Amino acid sequence: QVQLVESGGGLVQAGGSLRLSCASSGSIFSINTMAWYRQAPGKQRELVARITSGGSTNYADSVKGRFTISRDNAKNTVYLQMNSLKPEDTAVYLCYAVNPLIPASWGQGTQVTVSS
């Protein structure tokens, strides 16, 4: 069973930065597609960024140029560097993992709050 544990959330002022981490266990991390989603109160869960096993990335238009997803296969960890944060980035950020051998898995989430 895949386990995903997020960390790094918190309260930050607009314009500030945070780095989220997601540690994975229970799967062959190097073949996982990993992603970050977010869900704000009253809104649908949305994809923020995704990185494939080969390192290809894609981002939501709202975060392009501000957020960067990366992975360290040696540490079984995926990161989300978030710069120039805006109040509208406030949400619970959830880690997601999938590969051909396992069903999709979700972490519990970490709260990010950006004050204006």
N, C-alpha and C. Protein backbone atom coordinates (compact mmCIF):
# COMPACT_ATOMS: atom_id res chain seq x y z
N GLN A 1 0.85 -1.18 0.00
CA GLN A 1 0.00 0.00 0.00
C GLN A 1 0.89 1.24 0.00
N VAL A 2 0.54 2.17 -0.88
CA VAL A 2 1.33 3.39 -0.99
C VAL A 2 0.94 4.35 0.12
N GLN A 3 1.94 4.93 0.74
CA GLN A 3 1.72 5.98 1.74
C GLN A 3 2.39 7.25 1.28
N LEU A 4 1.66 8.34 1.39
CA LEU A 4 2.17 9.65 1.01
C LEU A 4 2.01 10.59 2.20
N VAL A 5 3.09 11.24 2.59
CA VAL A 5 3.05 12.14 3.73
C VAL A 5 3.57 13.51 3.30
N GLU A 6 2.67 14.50 3.36
CA GLU A 6 3.03 15.85 2.97
C GLU A 6 3.53 16.65 4.18
N SER A 7 4.37 17.62 3.89
CA SER A 7 4.83 18.55 4.93
C SER A 7 5.22 19.86 4.26
N GLY A 8 5.39 20.90 5.09
CA GLY A 8 5.88 22.18 4.58
C GLY A 8 4.84 23.27 4.46
N GLY A 9 3.58 22.94 4.71
CA GLY A 9 2.56 23.98 4.64
C GLY A 9 2.68 24.95 5.80
N GLY A 10 1.87 26.01 5.74
CA GLY A 10 1.89 26.99 6.81
C GLY A 10 1.25 28.28 6.39
N LEU A 11 1.47 29.30 7.20
CA LEU A 11 0.93 30.63 6.96
C LEU A 11 2.06 31.53 6.45
N VAL A 12 1.78 32.23 5.35
CA VAL A 12 2.79 33.10 4.75
C VAL A 12 2.10 34.35 4.20
N GLN A 13 2.81 35.44 4.17
CA GLN A 13 2.26 36.67 3.60
C GLN A 13 2.31 36.61 2.08
N ALA A 14 1.43 37.34 1.45
CA ALA A 14 1.43 37.44 -0.01
C ALA A 14 2.82 37.88 -0.49
N GLY A 15 3.27 37.22 -1.55
CA GLY A 15 4.60 37.49 -2.07
C GLY A 15 5.68 36.58 -1.52
N GLY A 16 5.33 35.83 -0.49
CA GLY A 16 6.28 34.94 0.15
C GLY A 16 6.40 33.60 -0.56
N SER A 17 7.19 32.71 0.04
CA SER A 17 7.47 31.40 -0.56
C SER A 17 7.29 30.29 0.47
N LEU A 18 6.97 29.13 -0.03
CA LEU A 18 6.93 27.90 0.76
C LEU A 18 7.41 26.76 -0.13
N ARG A 19 7.97 25.73 0.51
CA ARG A 19 8.30 24.51 -0.22
C ARG A 19 7.59 23.34 0.44
N LEU A 20 6.77 22.68 -0.33
CA LEU A 20 6.07 21.49 0.14
C LEU A 20 6.87 20.24 -0.22
N SER A 21 6.80 19.25 0.65
CA SER A 21 7.45 17.96 0.40
C SER A 21 6.41 16.86 0.54
N CYS A 22 6.60 15.80 -0.22
CA CYS A 22 5.74 14.63 -0.13
C CYS A 22 6.64 13.40 -0.16
N ALA A 23 6.70 12.72 0.97
CA ALA A 23 7.50 11.51 1.07
C ALA A 23 6.64 10.29 0.77
N SER A 24 7.14 9.42 -0.09
CA SER A 24 6.38 8.26 -0.54
C SER A 24 7.01 6.97 -0.07
N SER A 25 6.17 5.99 0.26
CA SER A 25 6.66 4.66 0.57
C SER A 25 5.66 3.64 0.06
N GLY A 26 6.12 2.42 -0.15
CA GLY A 26 5.22 1.35 -0.54
C GLY A 26 5.05 1.18 -2.04
N SER A 27 5.86 1.89 -2.83
CA SER A 27 5.78 1.69 -4.28
C SER A 27 7.16 1.92 -4.88
N ILE A 28 7.28 1.59 -6.15
CA ILE A 28 8.54 1.87 -6.85
C ILE A 28 8.50 3.33 -7.27
N PHE A 29 9.00 4.19 -6.40
CA PHE A 29 8.81 5.63 -6.58
C PHE A 29 9.27 6.11 -7.95
N SER A 30 10.37 5.56 -8.43
CA SER A 30 10.97 6.08 -9.66
C SER A 30 10.05 5.94 -10.87
N ILE A 31 9.08 5.03 -10.82
CA ILE A 31 8.18 4.88 -11.97
C ILE A 31 6.85 5.59 -11.75
N ASN A 32 6.71 6.23 -10.58
CA ASN A 32 5.46 6.94 -10.31
C ASN A 32 5.36 8.22 -11.10
N THR A 33 4.16 8.53 -11.58
CA THR A 33 3.81 9.90 -11.88
C THR A 33 3.34 10.51 -10.57
N MET A 34 3.92 11.65 -10.23
CA MET A 34 3.58 12.34 -8.98
C MET A 34 2.93 13.68 -9.32
N ALA A 35 2.06 14.12 -8.45
CA ALA A 35 1.37 15.38 -8.70
C ALA A 35 0.98 16.04 -7.39
N TRP A 36 0.76 17.33 -7.49
CA TRP A 36 0.18 18.12 -6.40
C TRP A 36 -1.18 18.65 -6.88
N TYR A 37 -2.17 18.45 -6.05
CA TYR A 37 -3.49 19.03 -6.25
C TYR A 37 -3.74 19.99 -5.08
N ARG A 38 -4.76 20.81 -5.24
CA ARG A 38 -5.18 21.65 -4.13
C ARG A 38 -6.70 21.76 -4.12
N GLN A 39 -7.21 22.00 -2.93
CA GLN A 39 -8.65 22.17 -2.76
C GLN A 39 -8.90 23.28 -1.77
N ALA A 40 -9.57 24.32 -2.24
CA ALA A 40 -9.95 25.43 -1.39
C ALA A 40 -11.39 25.21 -0.92
N PRO A 41 -11.78 25.82 0.20
CA PRO A 41 -13.15 25.64 0.71
C PRO A 41 -14.18 26.01 -0.35
N GLY A 42 -15.13 25.11 -0.56
CA GLY A 42 -16.20 25.37 -1.50
C GLY A 42 -15.83 25.25 -2.96
N LYS A 43 -14.61 24.80 -3.23
CA LYS A 43 -14.16 24.68 -4.62
C LYS A 43 -13.77 23.24 -4.93
N GLN A 44 -13.74 22.92 -6.22
CA GLN A 44 -13.34 21.59 -6.64
C GLN A 44 -11.83 21.42 -6.51
N ARG A 45 -11.43 20.18 -6.31
CA ARG A 45 -10.01 19.87 -6.29
C ARG A 45 -9.44 20.13 -7.68
N GLU A 46 -8.27 20.75 -7.75
CA GLU A 46 -7.67 21.07 -9.04
C GLU A 46 -6.21 20.65 -9.06
N LEU A 47 -5.77 20.27 -10.25
CA LEU A 47 -4.37 19.92 -10.46
C LEU A 47 -3.53 21.18 -10.42
N VAL A 48 -2.46 21.15 -9.65
CA VAL A 48 -1.52 22.26 -9.58
C VAL A 48 -0.31 21.99 -10.47
N ALA A 49 0.30 20.81 -10.29
CA ALA A 49 1.50 20.47 -11.06
C ALA A 49 1.66 18.96 -11.06
N ARG A 50 2.31 18.46 -12.12
CA ARG A 50 2.51 17.03 -12.27
C ARG A 50 3.90 16.80 -12.83
N ILE A 51 4.51 15.70 -12.40
CA ILE A 51 5.83 15.32 -12.93
C ILE A 51 5.82 13.82 -13.20
N THR A 52 6.23 13.45 -14.40
CA THR A 52 6.23 12.04 -14.77
C THR A 52 7.52 11.36 -14.30
N SER A 53 7.57 10.04 -14.49
CA SER A 53 8.77 9.30 -14.11
C SER A 53 9.98 9.78 -14.92
N GLY A 54 9.74 10.28 -16.12
CA GLY A 54 10.83 10.78 -16.95
C GLY A 54 11.20 12.22 -16.70
N GLY A 55 10.47 12.87 -15.82
CA GLY A 55 10.79 14.25 -15.46
C GLY A 55 10.01 15.32 -16.20
N SER A 56 9.10 14.92 -17.08
CA SER A 56 8.27 15.91 -17.76
C SER A 56 7.30 16.53 -16.77
N THR A 57 7.09 17.83 -16.93
CA THR A 57 6.22 18.54 -15.99
C THR A 57 5.12 19.29 -16.72
N ASN A 58 4.04 19.50 -16.01
CA ASN A 58 3.02 20.43 -16.49
C ASN A 58 2.36 21.10 -15.29
N TYR A 59 1.84 22.30 -15.54
CA TYR A 59 1.34 23.16 -14.47
C TYR A 59 -0.02 23.75 -14.84
N ALA A 60 -0.78 24.04 -13.81
CA ALA A 60 -1.99 24.83 -14.00
C ALA A 60 -1.57 26.23 -14.46
N ASP A 61 -2.39 26.83 -15.32
CA ASP A 61 -2.06 28.17 -15.83
C ASP A 61 -1.89 29.17 -14.69
N SER A 62 -2.65 28.99 -13.63
CA SER A 62 -2.64 29.95 -12.53
C SER A 62 -1.33 29.96 -11.74
N VAL A 63 -0.51 28.92 -11.90
CA VAL A 63 0.74 28.85 -11.12
C VAL A 63 1.98 28.85 -11.99
N LYS A 64 1.81 28.86 -13.30
CA LYS A 64 2.97 28.85 -14.20
C LYS A 64 3.87 30.05 -13.93
N GLY A 65 5.17 29.78 -13.85
CA GLY A 65 6.12 30.84 -13.58
C GLY A 65 6.33 31.14 -12.12
N ARG A 66 5.47 30.59 -11.26
CA ARG A 66 5.60 30.83 -9.81
C ARG A 66 5.93 29.55 -9.04
N PHE A 67 5.38 28.43 -9.49
CA PHE A 67 5.57 27.15 -8.80
C PHE A 67 6.47 26.24 -9.62
N THR A 68 7.24 25.40 -8.93
CA THR A 68 8.10 24.43 -9.60
C THR A 68 7.98 23.09 -8.88
N ILE A 69 7.65 22.06 -9.65
CA ILE A 69 7.60 20.70 -9.11
C ILE A 69 8.90 19.99 -9.45
N SER A 70 9.40 19.21 -8.51
CA SER A 70 10.63 18.44 -8.75
C SER A 70 10.56 17.15 -7.94
N ARG A 71 11.45 16.25 -8.25
CA ARG A 71 11.46 14.96 -7.55
C ARG A 71 12.88 14.52 -7.28
N ASP A 72 13.05 13.79 -6.19
CA ASP A 72 14.32 13.17 -5.83
C ASP A 72 14.06 11.69 -5.66
N ASN A 73 14.38 10.91 -6.67
CA ASN A 73 14.07 9.48 -6.62
C ASN A 73 14.87 8.77 -5.53
N ALA A 74 16.05 9.27 -5.22
CA ALA A 74 16.86 8.65 -4.16
C ALA A 74 16.20 8.80 -2.80
N LYS A 75 15.40 9.86 -2.64
CA LYS A 75 14.72 10.10 -1.36
C LYS A 75 13.24 9.78 -1.42
N ASN A 76 12.77 9.26 -2.55
CA ASN A 76 11.34 8.95 -2.70
C ASN A 76 10.45 10.14 -2.33
N THR A 77 10.86 11.31 -2.79
CA THR A 77 10.19 12.54 -2.39
C THR A 77 9.95 13.43 -3.60
N VAL A 78 8.78 14.07 -3.60
CA VAL A 78 8.46 15.07 -4.59
C VAL A 78 8.27 16.39 -3.86
N TYR A 79 8.66 17.48 -4.52
CA TYR A 79 8.61 18.80 -3.92
C TYR A 79 7.75 19.74 -4.76
N LEU A 80 7.25 20.77 -4.10
CA LEU A 80 6.58 21.85 -4.80
C LEU A 80 7.12 23.16 -4.21
N GLN A 81 7.94 23.84 -4.99
CA GLN A 81 8.44 25.15 -4.59
C GLN A 81 7.44 26.20 -5.05
N MET A 82 6.95 26.97 -4.10
CA MET A 82 5.91 27.95 -4.40
C MET A 82 6.45 29.35 -4.08
N ASN A 83 6.57 30.16 -5.10
CA ASN A 83 7.05 31.53 -4.95
C ASN A 83 5.97 32.52 -5.32
N SER A 84 6.16 33.76 -4.91
CA SER A 84 5.20 34.83 -5.23
C SER A 84 3.78 34.41 -4.89
N LEU A 85 3.61 33.88 -3.71
CA LEU A 85 2.30 33.35 -3.31
C LEU A 85 1.26 34.46 -3.24
N LYS A 86 0.03 34.08 -3.59
CA LYS A 86 -1.11 34.99 -3.60
C LYS A 86 -2.18 34.46 -2.66
N PRO A 87 -3.04 35.33 -2.15
CA PRO A 87 -4.14 34.85 -1.28
C PRO A 87 -4.97 33.76 -1.95
N GLU A 88 -5.13 33.83 -3.25
CA GLU A 88 -5.92 32.80 -3.95
C GLU A 88 -5.23 31.45 -4.03
N ASP A 89 -3.98 31.36 -3.60
CA ASP A 89 -3.30 30.07 -3.50
C ASP A 89 -3.66 29.34 -2.20
N THR A 90 -4.39 29.99 -1.33
CA THR A 90 -4.79 29.37 -0.07
C THR A 90 -5.64 28.13 -0.33
N ALA A 91 -5.22 27.00 0.22
CA ALA A 91 -5.92 25.73 -0.01
C ALA A 91 -5.22 24.64 0.79
N VAL A 92 -5.85 23.48 0.82
CA VAL A 92 -5.17 22.26 1.25
C VAL A 92 -4.49 21.67 0.03
N TYR A 93 -3.20 21.40 0.16
CA TYR A 93 -2.43 20.85 -0.95
C TYR A 93 -2.22 19.35 -0.70
N LEU A 94 -2.58 18.57 -1.71
CA LEU A 94 -2.55 17.11 -1.58
C LEU A 94 -1.59 16.51 -2.59
N CYS A 95 -0.86 15.53 -2.13
CA CYS A 95 0.08 14.79 -2.97
C CYS A 95 -0.65 13.60 -3.60
N TYR A 96 -0.26 13.25 -4.81
CA TYR A 96 -0.93 12.19 -5.58
C TYR A 96 0.14 11.35 -6.28
N ALA A 97 -0.08 10.05 -6.29
CA ALA A 97 0.86 9.14 -6.95
C ALA A 97 0.12 8.08 -7.72
N VAL A 98 0.67 7.71 -8.88
CA VAL A 98 0.10 6.63 -9.68
C VAL A 98 1.19 6.04 -10.56
N ASN A 99 1.10 4.74 -10.81
CA ASN A 99 1.93 4.10 -11.83
C ASN A 99 1.15 2.90 -12.35
N PRO A 100 1.63 2.24 -13.40
CA PRO A 100 0.84 1.14 -13.99
C PRO A 100 0.58 -0.03 -13.05
N LEU A 101 1.32 -0.11 -11.95
CA LEU A 101 1.21 -1.26 -11.06
C LEU A 101 0.31 -1.02 -9.86
N ILE A 102 -0.06 0.23 -9.61
CA ILE A 102 -0.79 0.54 -8.38
C ILE A 102 -1.98 1.44 -8.69
N PRO A 103 -3.00 1.38 -7.86
CA PRO A 103 -4.08 2.37 -8.00
C PRO A 103 -3.59 3.73 -7.54
N ALA A 104 -4.30 4.76 -7.93
CA ALA A 104 -3.93 6.11 -7.52
C ALA A 104 -4.02 6.24 -6.01
N SER A 105 -3.09 6.99 -5.44
CA SER A 105 -3.05 7.18 -3.99
C SER A 105 -2.96 8.66 -3.67
N TRP A 106 -3.53 9.03 -2.54
CA TRP A 106 -3.55 10.42 -2.09
C TRP A 106 -2.95 10.52 -0.69
N GLY A 107 -2.30 11.66 -0.45
CA GLY A 107 -1.89 11.98 0.90
C GLY A 107 -3.02 12.64 1.66
N GLN A 108 -2.75 12.96 2.93
CA GLN A 108 -3.77 13.59 3.78
C GLN A 108 -3.88 15.08 3.53
N GLY A 109 -2.84 15.68 2.98
CA GLY A 109 -2.89 17.11 2.67
C GLY A 109 -2.17 17.95 3.70
N THR A 110 -1.74 19.13 3.24
CA THR A 110 -1.11 20.12 4.12
C THR A 110 -1.71 21.49 3.80
N GLN A 111 -2.03 22.23 4.83
CA GLN A 111 -2.71 23.51 4.65
C GLN A 111 -1.71 24.61 4.29
N VAL A 112 -2.04 25.36 3.27
CA VAL A 112 -1.28 26.56 2.89
C VAL A 112 -2.23 27.74 2.99
N THR A 113 -1.84 28.74 3.78
CA THR A 113 -2.65 29.94 3.94
C THR A 113 -1.80 31.15 3.60
N VAL A 114 -2.29 31.95 2.67
CA VAL A 114 -1.57 33.14 2.24
C VAL A 114 -2.37 34.36 2.64
N SER A 115 -1.79 35.19 3.48
CA SER A 115 -2.49 36.38 3.96
C SER A 115 -2.16 37.58 3.06
N SER A 116 -3.15 38.47 2.95
CA SER A 116 -2.95 39.65 2.08
C SER A 116 -2.36 40.81 2.86
